[in-house]
Amino acid sequence: MHDLLVVGAGPYGLSIASHAAAAGLDLRVLGRPMASWRDHMPPGMFLKSEPWASNLSDPGGRLRLDAYCAEQGVRARHGEPIPVGTFASYGLWFARHGVPGVDERTVARIAAVPGGFEAVTEDGEVLRARTVALAVGVLPFTEIPAALRGLGPAYVSHSSHHGDLGRFRGRDVTVVGGGQAALETAALLAEQGTRVRVVARAGHLRWNDVPPPWERPRTQSLRAPHSGLGCGWRNWFYAERPGLFRRLPAGTRARVAATALGPAGAWWVRERVESAVEVLLGHEVAAAYGEGGAVRLETVSRAGEAAVLDTEHVIAATGFRAGCERLGLLADDLRGGLRTVADGSPHVGRDFESSVPGLFMAGLVTASGFGPAMRFVHGASFTAGTLVRGVRRRLRSGPRGGLIPAPARRSPDALDTAGR
């Protein structure tokens, strides 16, 4: 039985595995390395985060993105976006140098067994571990608006479903959403000859400013320090102090997780959108019908005015919702034993352990506990070290021969007073 099974090999999974290997744990890592970045983002996309805020985490701090770029002869400078393809290749380089033996098979099911957990791989092999770290990324949590869910995949898809937008050349596509995924997808579609429009319920698009220079007068730095999530003291707190964020009242954490760093486009995609993409603002899709290779969208404005729009395909760039019910790889009783917070995501303690002893969470599913940084690569550094310390504590104190218990549910308010 292994000490730790890491499920997922994206930035969070690889970072956790690197720290676990350095700690001497008997480790298994399963998942296709950087799968989301390699298979679900089309060529031409860029990282929205600064290069220095996009490092995976190894204990020695040697395997940074700038070190990889220097080795490859690629520039990694503040204020210059990094291509997604470069970042994916960096993740593979990190895996080769910092993680022992990634098993590229996916995990089909995880269940509790005496002394720990049992994982069944896609080809039926059974693996056992005393602890598990779920680092499954965002793909299990894709969110498509209710009005579009009745359409089949020929008519609607999520923005994360596309590693190549070439199938839409010469066609008519409507992108729903007002954030970076929507705007960059629309720009790429327009640039390849697709007739494309964006429909967003917001009354106006938000654009991030060009970042200020890294070297600035001290007074400017003190007023608005750089952070992994952008300039300003509030962003600095979210980015650099996730452990303190977790101590905020539950209601405050929930509000910040839902609203902070909301939909906005990167500064470098603005001109590409404004010069080539039709934008319909202040409208929400109320109903959708697909037939004969076409989609009819019925939209409603904020003022209650109805409109009809015909298109061939809808791409929903409408984000992700990390509810426990979407963790389908967990056995029903294991998933049912997870306590949740107000937004339906799993409650996690100070070291990312869920309410099921020995089952740890990482990434987007922990944003309601540790803040907006967990939605970005930048959060992987805090997560990896903290989570592995929690795993080591669990291995020292956890059950060795009995079934991992699934505690009775408690309300989110009660959880905040429990000290976990």
Protein backbone atom coordinates (compact mmCIF):
# COMPACT_ATOMS: atom_id res chain seq x y z
CA MET A 1 0.00 0.00 0.00
CA HIS A 2 1.45 3.34 -1.07
CA ASP A 3 1.70 6.31 1.26
CA LEU A 4 0.11 8.71 -1.24
CA LEU A 5 -1.73 8.45 -4.53
CA VAL A 6 -1.85 11.72 -6.50
CA VAL A 7 -4.74 11.75 -8.97
CA GLY A 8 -4.07 14.31 -11.67
CA ALA A 9 -0.86 15.52 -13.31
CA GLY A 10 -1.49 19.19 -14.02
CA PRO A 11 0.31 22.04 -12.23
CA TYR A 12 -1.17 21.14 -8.82
CA GLY A 13 -0.72 17.38 -9.09
CA LEU A 14 2.86 17.64 -10.34
CA SER A 15 3.77 20.18 -7.66
CA ILE A 16 2.30 18.00 -4.89
CA ALA A 17 4.12 14.97 -6.27
CA SER A 18 7.45 16.82 -6.34
CA HIS A 19 7.11 17.82 -2.68
CA ALA A 20 5.94 14.33 -1.70
CA ALA A 21 8.87 12.67 -3.46
CA ALA A 22 11.32 15.01 -1.73
CA ALA A 23 9.70 14.11 1.60
CA GLY A 24 10.47 10.44 0.95
CA LEU A 25 6.87 9.26 0.64
CA ASP A 26 6.02 6.05 -1.21
CA LEU A 27 4.24 7.77 -4.07
CA ARG A 28 2.16 7.02 -7.19
CA VAL A 29 1.05 9.72 -9.64
CA LEU A 30 -1.65 9.01 -12.19
CA GLY A 31 -2.82 11.19 -15.06
CA ARG A 32 -1.71 12.54 -18.41
CA PRO A 33 0.75 15.33 -17.60
CA MET A 34 -0.59 18.81 -18.40
CA ALA A 35 -3.59 17.26 -20.16
CA SER A 36 -5.81 20.35 -19.94
CA TRP A 37 -3.10 22.55 -21.39
CA ARG A 38 -2.05 20.11 -24.11
CA ASP A 39 -5.43 18.78 -25.19
CA HIS A 40 -8.04 21.42 -24.32
CA MET A 41 -6.54 24.76 -25.34
CA PRO A 42 -6.14 25.66 -29.01
CA PRO A 43 -2.87 26.89 -30.51
CA GLY A 44 -2.50 30.63 -30.30
CA MET A 45 -3.67 31.00 -26.70
CA PHE A 46 -1.48 32.66 -24.07
CA LEU A 47 -1.19 32.50 -20.31
CA LYS A 48 -3.02 35.37 -18.64
CA SER A 49 -0.73 35.16 -15.59
CA GLU A 50 2.73 36.72 -15.56
CA PRO A 51 5.60 34.28 -16.25
CA TRP A 52 6.98 34.74 -12.73
CA ALA A 53 3.53 33.88 -11.31
CA SER A 54 3.20 30.69 -13.35
CA ASN A 55 5.77 28.41 -11.73
CA LEU A 56 5.08 24.86 -10.71
CA SER A 57 6.51 24.14 -7.27
CA ASP A 58 9.46 21.95 -6.32
CA PRO A 59 10.96 22.11 -2.81
CA GLY A 60 14.26 23.57 -4.01
CA GLY A 61 12.67 26.20 -6.25
CA ARG A 62 14.95 25.19 -9.13
CA LEU A 63 12.34 24.08 -11.68
CA ARG A 64 10.86 27.48 -12.43
CA LEU A 65 9.32 28.56 -15.71
CA ASP A 66 12.11 31.07 -16.34
CA ALA A 67 14.72 28.33 -15.88
CA TYR A 68 12.97 26.20 -18.51
CA CYS A 69 12.64 29.14 -20.88
CA ALA A 70 16.31 30.03 -20.49
CA GLU A 71 17.23 26.44 -21.32
CA GLN A 72 15.06 26.62 -24.45
CA GLY A 73 16.21 30.06 -25.52
CA VAL A 74 12.74 31.53 -24.97
CA ARG A 75 12.06 34.89 -23.31
CA ALA A 76 10.11 34.90 -20.06
CA ARG A 77 9.73 38.52 -19.07
CA HIS A 78 7.33 40.54 -16.98
CA GLY A 79 4.57 42.01 -19.15
CA GLU A 80 5.10 39.56 -22.04
CA PRO A 81 2.50 36.76 -22.19
CA ILE A 82 3.73 33.19 -22.49
CA PRO A 83 2.16 30.89 -25.14
CA VAL A 84 0.08 28.07 -23.67
CA GLY A 85 2.11 25.58 -25.71
CA THR A 86 5.31 26.77 -24.06
CA PHE A 87 3.73 26.43 -20.64
CA ALA A 88 2.54 22.89 -21.41
CA SER A 89 6.05 21.93 -22.51
CA TYR A 90 7.40 23.45 -19.30
CA GLY A 91 5.06 21.21 -17.31
CA LEU A 92 6.39 18.13 -19.12
CA TRP A 93 9.96 19.26 -18.41
CA PHE A 94 9.04 19.75 -14.74
CA ALA A 95 7.56 16.23 -14.62
CA ARG A 96 10.74 14.71 -16.07
CA HIS A 97 13.03 16.49 -13.62
CA GLY A 98 10.91 16.75 -10.47
CA VAL A 99 8.46 13.85 -10.33
CA PRO A 100 9.35 10.15 -10.31
CA GLY A 101 7.50 8.00 -12.84
CA VAL A 102 4.17 9.59 -13.77
CA ASP A 103 1.67 6.89 -14.78
CA GLU A 104 -0.37 8.38 -17.65
CA ARG A 105 -3.41 6.22 -17.06
CA THR A 106 -6.52 7.86 -15.69
CA VAL A 107 -8.34 6.78 -12.54
CA ALA A 108 -11.88 5.51 -13.06
CA ARG A 109 -12.94 5.05 -9.44
CA ILE A 110 -11.75 5.67 -5.88
CA ALA A 111 -13.27 3.95 -2.85
CA ALA A 112 -12.48 3.68 0.85
CA VAL A 113 -11.02 0.36 2.03
CA PRO A 114 -9.56 -0.81 5.36
CA GLY A 115 -6.53 1.33 6.10
CA GLY A 116 -6.93 3.78 3.23
CA PHE A 117 -8.23 3.92 -0.32
CA GLU A 118 -8.50 1.80 -3.43
CA ALA A 119 -8.16 3.27 -6.91
CA VAL A 120 -9.13 1.46 -10.10
CA THR A 121 -7.38 2.60 -13.27
CA GLU A 122 -9.00 2.89 -16.69
CA ASP A 123 -7.68 -0.56 -17.65
CA GLY A 124 -8.80 -2.24 -14.42
CA GLU A 125 -5.65 -2.32 -12.29
CA VAL A 126 -6.30 -1.83 -8.58
CA LEU A 127 -3.95 0.37 -6.56
CA ARG A 128 -4.09 1.00 -2.82
CA ALA A 129 -2.83 3.97 -0.82
CA ARG A 130 -3.14 5.24 2.72
CA THR A 131 -3.87 8.76 1.50
CA VAL A 132 -5.11 10.32 -1.75
CA ALA A 133 -4.63 13.82 -3.17
CA LEU A 134 -7.25 14.78 -5.74
CA ALA A 135 -5.78 17.30 -8.19
CA VAL A 136 -8.23 16.82 -11.03
CA GLY A 137 -8.09 20.35 -12.42
CA VAL A 138 -11.13 22.07 -13.89
CA LEU A 139 -12.42 19.74 -16.59
CA PRO A 140 -14.84 17.79 -14.35
CA PHE A 141 -16.50 21.08 -13.41
CA THR A 142 -17.43 22.67 -16.75
CA GLU A 143 -20.51 24.84 -16.46
CA ILE A 144 -22.96 25.30 -19.34
CA PRO A 145 -25.96 27.63 -18.86
CA ALA A 146 -29.26 25.85 -18.23
CA ALA A 147 -30.82 27.22 -21.42
CA LEU A 148 -28.15 25.48 -23.53
CA ARG A 149 -28.01 22.11 -21.79
CA GLY A 150 -30.75 20.57 -23.92
CA LEU A 151 -28.69 20.97 -27.09
CA GLY A 152 -26.51 18.10 -28.25
CA PRO A 153 -22.73 18.35 -28.76
CA ALA A 154 -23.22 19.14 -32.45
CA TYR A 155 -24.77 22.45 -31.41
CA VAL A 156 -23.12 23.44 -28.13
CA SER A 157 -19.75 22.84 -26.47
CA HIS A 158 -17.73 24.30 -23.62
CA SER A 159 -14.69 26.42 -24.40
CA SER A 160 -12.50 23.85 -22.64
CA HIS A 161 -13.62 21.13 -25.08
CA HIS A 162 -11.48 22.49 -27.90
CA GLY A 163 -7.82 21.77 -28.51
CA ASP A 164 -8.30 22.90 -32.12
CA LEU A 165 -10.78 25.44 -33.46
CA GLY A 166 -10.13 24.52 -37.09
CA ARG A 167 -13.48 22.74 -37.47
CA PHE A 168 -15.21 26.12 -37.27
CA ARG A 169 -13.47 27.74 -40.25
CA GLY A 170 -16.02 29.33 -42.55
CA ARG A 171 -18.87 28.70 -40.13
CA ASP A 172 -20.98 30.93 -37.88
CA VAL A 173 -20.25 30.61 -34.15
CA THR A 174 -21.64 32.40 -31.11
CA VAL A 175 -19.51 32.53 -27.97
CA VAL A 176 -21.38 33.00 -24.70
CA GLY A 177 -19.44 34.70 -21.89
CA GLY A 178 -17.46 37.83 -21.14
CA GLY A 179 -14.22 36.58 -19.61
CA GLN A 180 -10.79 35.74 -20.97
CA ALA A 181 -11.80 32.31 -22.32
CA ALA A 182 -14.70 33.82 -24.27
CA LEU A 183 -12.78 36.79 -25.63
CA GLU A 184 -9.62 34.93 -26.59
CA THR A 185 -11.63 32.11 -28.18
CA ALA A 186 -13.62 34.67 -30.19
CA ALA A 187 -10.43 36.43 -31.32
CA LEU A 188 -8.88 33.16 -32.50
CA LEU A 189 -12.07 32.22 -34.35
CA ALA A 190 -12.22 35.57 -36.12
CA GLU A 191 -8.56 35.36 -37.11
CA GLN A 192 -9.11 32.01 -38.83
CA GLY A 193 -12.10 33.21 -40.86
CA THR A 194 -15.01 32.18 -38.64
CA ARG A 195 -18.04 34.48 -38.45
CA VAL A 196 -18.16 35.01 -34.70
CA ARG A 197 -20.00 37.06 -32.11
CA VAL A 198 -19.88 37.26 -28.33
CA VAL A 199 -23.03 37.34 -26.20
CA ALA A 200 -22.49 38.48 -22.61
CA ARG A 201 -24.94 39.34 -19.86
CA ALA A 202 -22.69 42.08 -18.48
CA GLY A 203 -23.43 45.60 -19.60
CA HIS A 204 -19.82 46.18 -20.62
CA LEU A 205 -16.64 44.19 -21.11
CA ARG A 206 -13.90 44.49 -18.51
CA TRP A 207 -10.27 44.61 -19.62
CA ASN A 208 -7.19 44.19 -17.45
CA ASP A 209 -4.69 47.03 -17.65
CA VAL A 210 -1.20 46.66 -19.02
CA PRO A 211 0.86 45.69 -15.94
CA PRO A 212 3.15 48.39 -14.55
CA PRO A 213 6.91 47.81 -14.89
CA TRP A 214 8.52 45.40 -12.50
CA GLU A 215 11.00 48.04 -11.41
CA ARG A 216 9.05 51.07 -10.13
CA PRO A 217 9.56 53.90 -7.69
CA ARG A 218 9.22 52.65 -4.13
CA THR A 219 6.15 54.81 -3.48
CA GLN A 220 4.28 53.15 -6.37
CA SER A 221 5.25 49.68 -5.18
CA LEU A 222 4.01 50.45 -1.69
CA ARG A 223 0.68 51.76 -2.96
CA ALA A 224 0.07 48.80 -5.29
CA PRO A 225 2.52 45.89 -4.86
CA HIS A 226 2.90 43.27 -7.54
CA SER A 227 1.40 39.86 -6.72
CA GLY A 228 0.72 36.61 -8.49
CA LEU A 229 -2.86 37.77 -9.10
CA GLY A 230 -2.17 41.34 -10.16
CA CYS A 231 -1.29 44.64 -8.50
CA GLY A 232 -2.77 45.97 -5.27
CA TRP A 233 -2.84 44.99 -1.62
CA ARG A 234 -6.10 43.07 -1.91
CA ASN A 235 -4.76 40.93 -4.73
CA TRP A 236 -1.49 40.54 -2.80
CA PHE A 237 -3.43 39.17 0.18
CA TYR A 238 -5.35 36.69 -1.99
CA ALA A 239 -2.19 35.58 -3.80
CA GLU A 240 0.40 35.48 -1.04
CA ARG A 241 -1.56 34.67 2.13
CA PRO A 242 -4.01 31.82 1.40
CA GLY A 243 -3.55 30.49 4.93
CA LEU A 244 -4.73 33.77 6.41
CA PHE A 245 -7.57 33.97 3.90
CA ARG A 246 -8.87 30.68 5.30
CA ARG A 247 -9.28 32.34 8.71
CA LEU A 248 -11.81 34.84 7.38
CA PRO A 249 -15.49 34.28 8.27
CA ALA A 250 -17.21 31.70 6.08
CA GLY A 251 -19.56 34.27 4.56
CA THR A 252 -16.69 36.54 3.60
CA ARG A 253 -14.76 33.68 2.03
CA ALA A 254 -17.79 32.61 0.01
CA ARG A 255 -18.42 36.15 -1.24
CA VAL A 256 -14.80 36.71 -2.24
CA ALA A 257 -14.53 33.31 -3.93
CA ALA A 258 -17.63 34.09 -5.99
CA THR A 259 -16.81 37.69 -6.96
CA ALA A 260 -13.08 38.45 -6.76
CA LEU A 261 -11.12 38.64 -10.01
CA GLY A 262 -14.27 38.25 -12.06
CA PRO A 263 -14.57 37.95 -15.84
CA ALA A 264 -12.14 40.21 -17.68
CA GLY A 265 -10.06 40.10 -20.82
CA ALA A 266 -6.29 40.43 -20.93
CA TRP A 267 -4.93 43.73 -22.24
CA TRP A 268 -3.21 42.02 -25.15
CA VAL A 269 -6.42 40.55 -26.61
CA ARG A 270 -8.52 43.74 -26.50
CA GLU A 271 -7.66 45.15 -29.92
CA ARG A 272 -8.08 41.74 -31.54
CA VAL A 273 -11.65 41.53 -30.21
CA GLU A 274 -12.73 45.11 -30.74
CA SER A 275 -11.51 45.17 -34.35
CA ALA A 276 -13.01 41.87 -35.51
CA VAL A 277 -15.73 40.50 -33.21
CA GLU A 278 -19.38 41.51 -32.95
CA VAL A 279 -20.36 41.89 -29.28
CA LEU A 280 -23.91 41.76 -27.90
CA LEU A 281 -23.82 43.02 -24.31
CA GLY A 282 -26.45 43.02 -21.60
CA HIS A 283 -28.15 39.93 -23.02
CA GLU A 284 -28.65 36.48 -21.55
CA VAL A 285 -29.65 33.33 -23.43
CA ALA A 286 -33.18 32.43 -22.34
CA ALA A 287 -33.84 29.50 -24.70
CA ALA A 288 -32.06 27.60 -27.46
CA TYR A 289 -33.24 25.25 -30.19
CA GLY A 290 -31.12 23.16 -32.53
CA GLU A 291 -32.32 21.68 -35.78
CA GLY A 292 -30.95 20.98 -39.25
CA GLY A 293 -27.42 22.15 -38.50
CA ALA A 294 -28.50 25.49 -37.04
CA VAL A 295 -29.14 26.91 -33.58
CA ARG A 296 -31.70 29.55 -32.73
CA LEU A 297 -30.98 31.53 -29.58
CA GLU A 298 -33.61 33.55 -27.80
CA THR A 299 -32.01 36.25 -25.65
CA VAL A 300 -33.39 38.68 -23.11
CA SER A 301 -31.84 42.04 -22.27
CA ARG A 302 -31.59 43.56 -18.83
CA ALA A 303 -34.57 45.73 -19.73
CA GLY A 304 -36.62 42.65 -20.63
CA GLU A 305 -36.35 43.09 -24.41
CA ALA A 306 -36.33 39.83 -26.36
CA ALA A 307 -34.17 39.13 -29.40
CA VAL A 308 -33.56 36.15 -31.69
CA LEU A 309 -30.18 35.11 -33.04
CA ASP A 310 -29.38 32.32 -35.51
CA THR A 311 -26.01 30.60 -35.56
CA GLU A 312 -24.45 27.22 -36.36
CA HIS A 313 -22.71 26.43 -33.08
CA VAL A 314 -22.55 27.86 -29.56
CA ILE A 315 -19.37 27.80 -27.47
CA ALA A 316 -20.14 28.33 -23.78
CA ALA A 317 -17.15 30.06 -22.21
CA THR A 318 -19.02 30.18 -18.94
CA GLY A 319 -16.51 28.88 -16.45
CA PHE A 320 -16.57 26.06 -13.94
CA ARG A 321 -18.49 25.11 -10.80
CA ALA A 322 -16.63 22.86 -8.37
CA GLY A 323 -19.50 21.01 -6.74
CA CYS A 324 -18.89 17.72 -4.90
CA GLU A 325 -21.52 15.98 -7.03
CA ARG A 326 -19.21 16.38 -10.03
CA LEU A 327 -16.45 14.30 -8.45
CA GLY A 328 -17.79 11.27 -10.27
CA LEU A 329 -14.64 9.19 -9.82
CA LEU A 330 -15.36 8.94 -6.07
CA ALA A 331 -17.52 6.01 -4.98
CA ASP A 332 -21.01 7.09 -3.91
CA ASP A 333 -20.46 6.50 -0.20
CA LEU A 334 -17.11 8.29 -0.28
CA ARG A 335 -18.53 11.27 -2.12
CA GLY A 336 -21.55 11.31 0.16
CA GLY A 337 -19.25 11.52 3.19
CA LEU A 338 -17.80 14.83 2.06
CA ARG A 339 -18.92 17.87 3.99
CA THR A 340 -19.62 20.86 1.80
CA VAL A 341 -19.53 24.62 2.07
CA ALA A 342 -22.12 27.09 0.84
CA ASP A 343 -21.27 26.79 -2.87
CA GLY A 344 -21.37 22.98 -2.83
CA SER A 345 -17.61 22.50 -2.98
CA PRO A 346 -15.89 20.26 -0.40
CA HIS A 347 -14.88 21.65 2.96
CA VAL A 348 -11.12 21.38 3.50
CA GLY A 349 -9.08 21.89 6.63
CA ARG A 350 -5.95 23.94 7.13
CA ASP A 351 -3.81 21.38 5.28
CA PHE A 352 -6.31 20.67 2.44
CA GLU A 353 -7.66 17.48 4.02
CA SER A 354 -11.35 16.94 3.37
CA SER A 355 -13.83 15.73 5.98
CA VAL A 356 -12.92 12.17 4.95
CA PRO A 357 -9.63 11.47 6.78
CA GLY A 358 -6.80 10.84 4.34
CA LEU A 359 -8.60 12.34 1.32
CA PHE A 360 -6.97 15.63 0.30
CA MET A 361 -8.14 18.18 -2.28
CA ALA A 362 -6.23 20.64 -4.46
CA GLY A 363 -6.95 23.34 -7.01
CA LEU A 364 -10.27 24.88 -7.97
CA VAL A 365 -12.28 22.81 -5.47
CA THR A 366 -10.47 24.56 -2.61
CA ALA A 367 -11.08 28.18 -3.72
CA SER A 368 -13.89 28.68 -1.22
CA GLY A 369 -11.52 27.71 1.57
CA PHE A 370 -8.23 29.27 0.51
CA GLY A 371 -9.27 31.99 -1.89
CA PRO A 372 -8.95 33.06 -5.53
CA ALA A 373 -5.31 31.95 -5.82
CA MET A 374 -6.56 28.36 -6.03
CA ARG A 375 -8.09 29.17 -9.42
CA PHE A 376 -4.66 29.92 -10.85
CA VAL A 377 -1.31 28.15 -11.24
CA HIS A 378 0.13 30.53 -8.65
CA GLY A 379 -1.78 28.73 -5.89
CA ALA A 380 0.09 25.48 -6.52
CA SER A 381 3.14 26.56 -4.50
CA PHE A 382 1.23 27.16 -1.27
CA THR A 383 -0.90 24.07 -1.83
CA ALA A 384 1.92 21.62 -2.50
CA GLY A 385 3.96 22.28 0.62
CA THR A 386 0.96 22.64 2.91
CA LEU A 387 -0.84 19.56 1.61
CA VAL A 388 2.22 17.30 1.84
CA ARG A 389 2.78 18.37 5.43
CA GLY A 390 -0.83 17.40 6.09
CA VAL A 391 -0.33 14.04 4.42
CA ARG A 392 2.67 13.35 6.63
CA ARG A 393 0.64 14.22 9.72
CA ARG A 394 -2.16 11.91 8.60
CA LEU A 395 0.28 9.08 7.95
CA ARG A 396 1.66 9.45 11.48
CA SER A 397 -1.74 9.61 13.18
CA GLY A 398 -4.30 8.06 10.82
CA PRO A 399 -5.96 4.67 11.04
CA ARG A 400 -3.78 1.79 9.97
CA GLY A 401 -6.17 -1.12 9.87
CA GLY A 402 -9.73 0.11 10.07
CA LEU A 403 -12.06 1.55 7.47
CA ILE A 404 -11.55 5.27 6.94
CA PRO A 405 -14.57 6.83 8.65
CA ALA A 406 -17.02 9.14 6.90
CA PRO A 407 -18.01 11.65 9.60
CA ALA A 408 -21.58 12.82 9.97
CA ARG A 409 -22.44 15.99 8.10
CA ARG A 410 -22.23 19.31 9.89
CA SER A 411 -23.29 22.75 8.79
CA PRO A 412 -20.66 25.10 7.33
CA ASP A 413 -20.97 27.35 10.41
CA ALA A 414 -20.25 24.42 12.70
CA LEU A 415 -17.24 23.51 10.58
CA ASP A 416 -15.69 26.92 11.10
CA THR A 417 -15.64 26.40 14.85
CA ALA A 418 -14.21 22.90 14.63
CA GLY A 419 -10.64 24.09 14.10
CA ARG A 420 -10.05 22.09 10.92
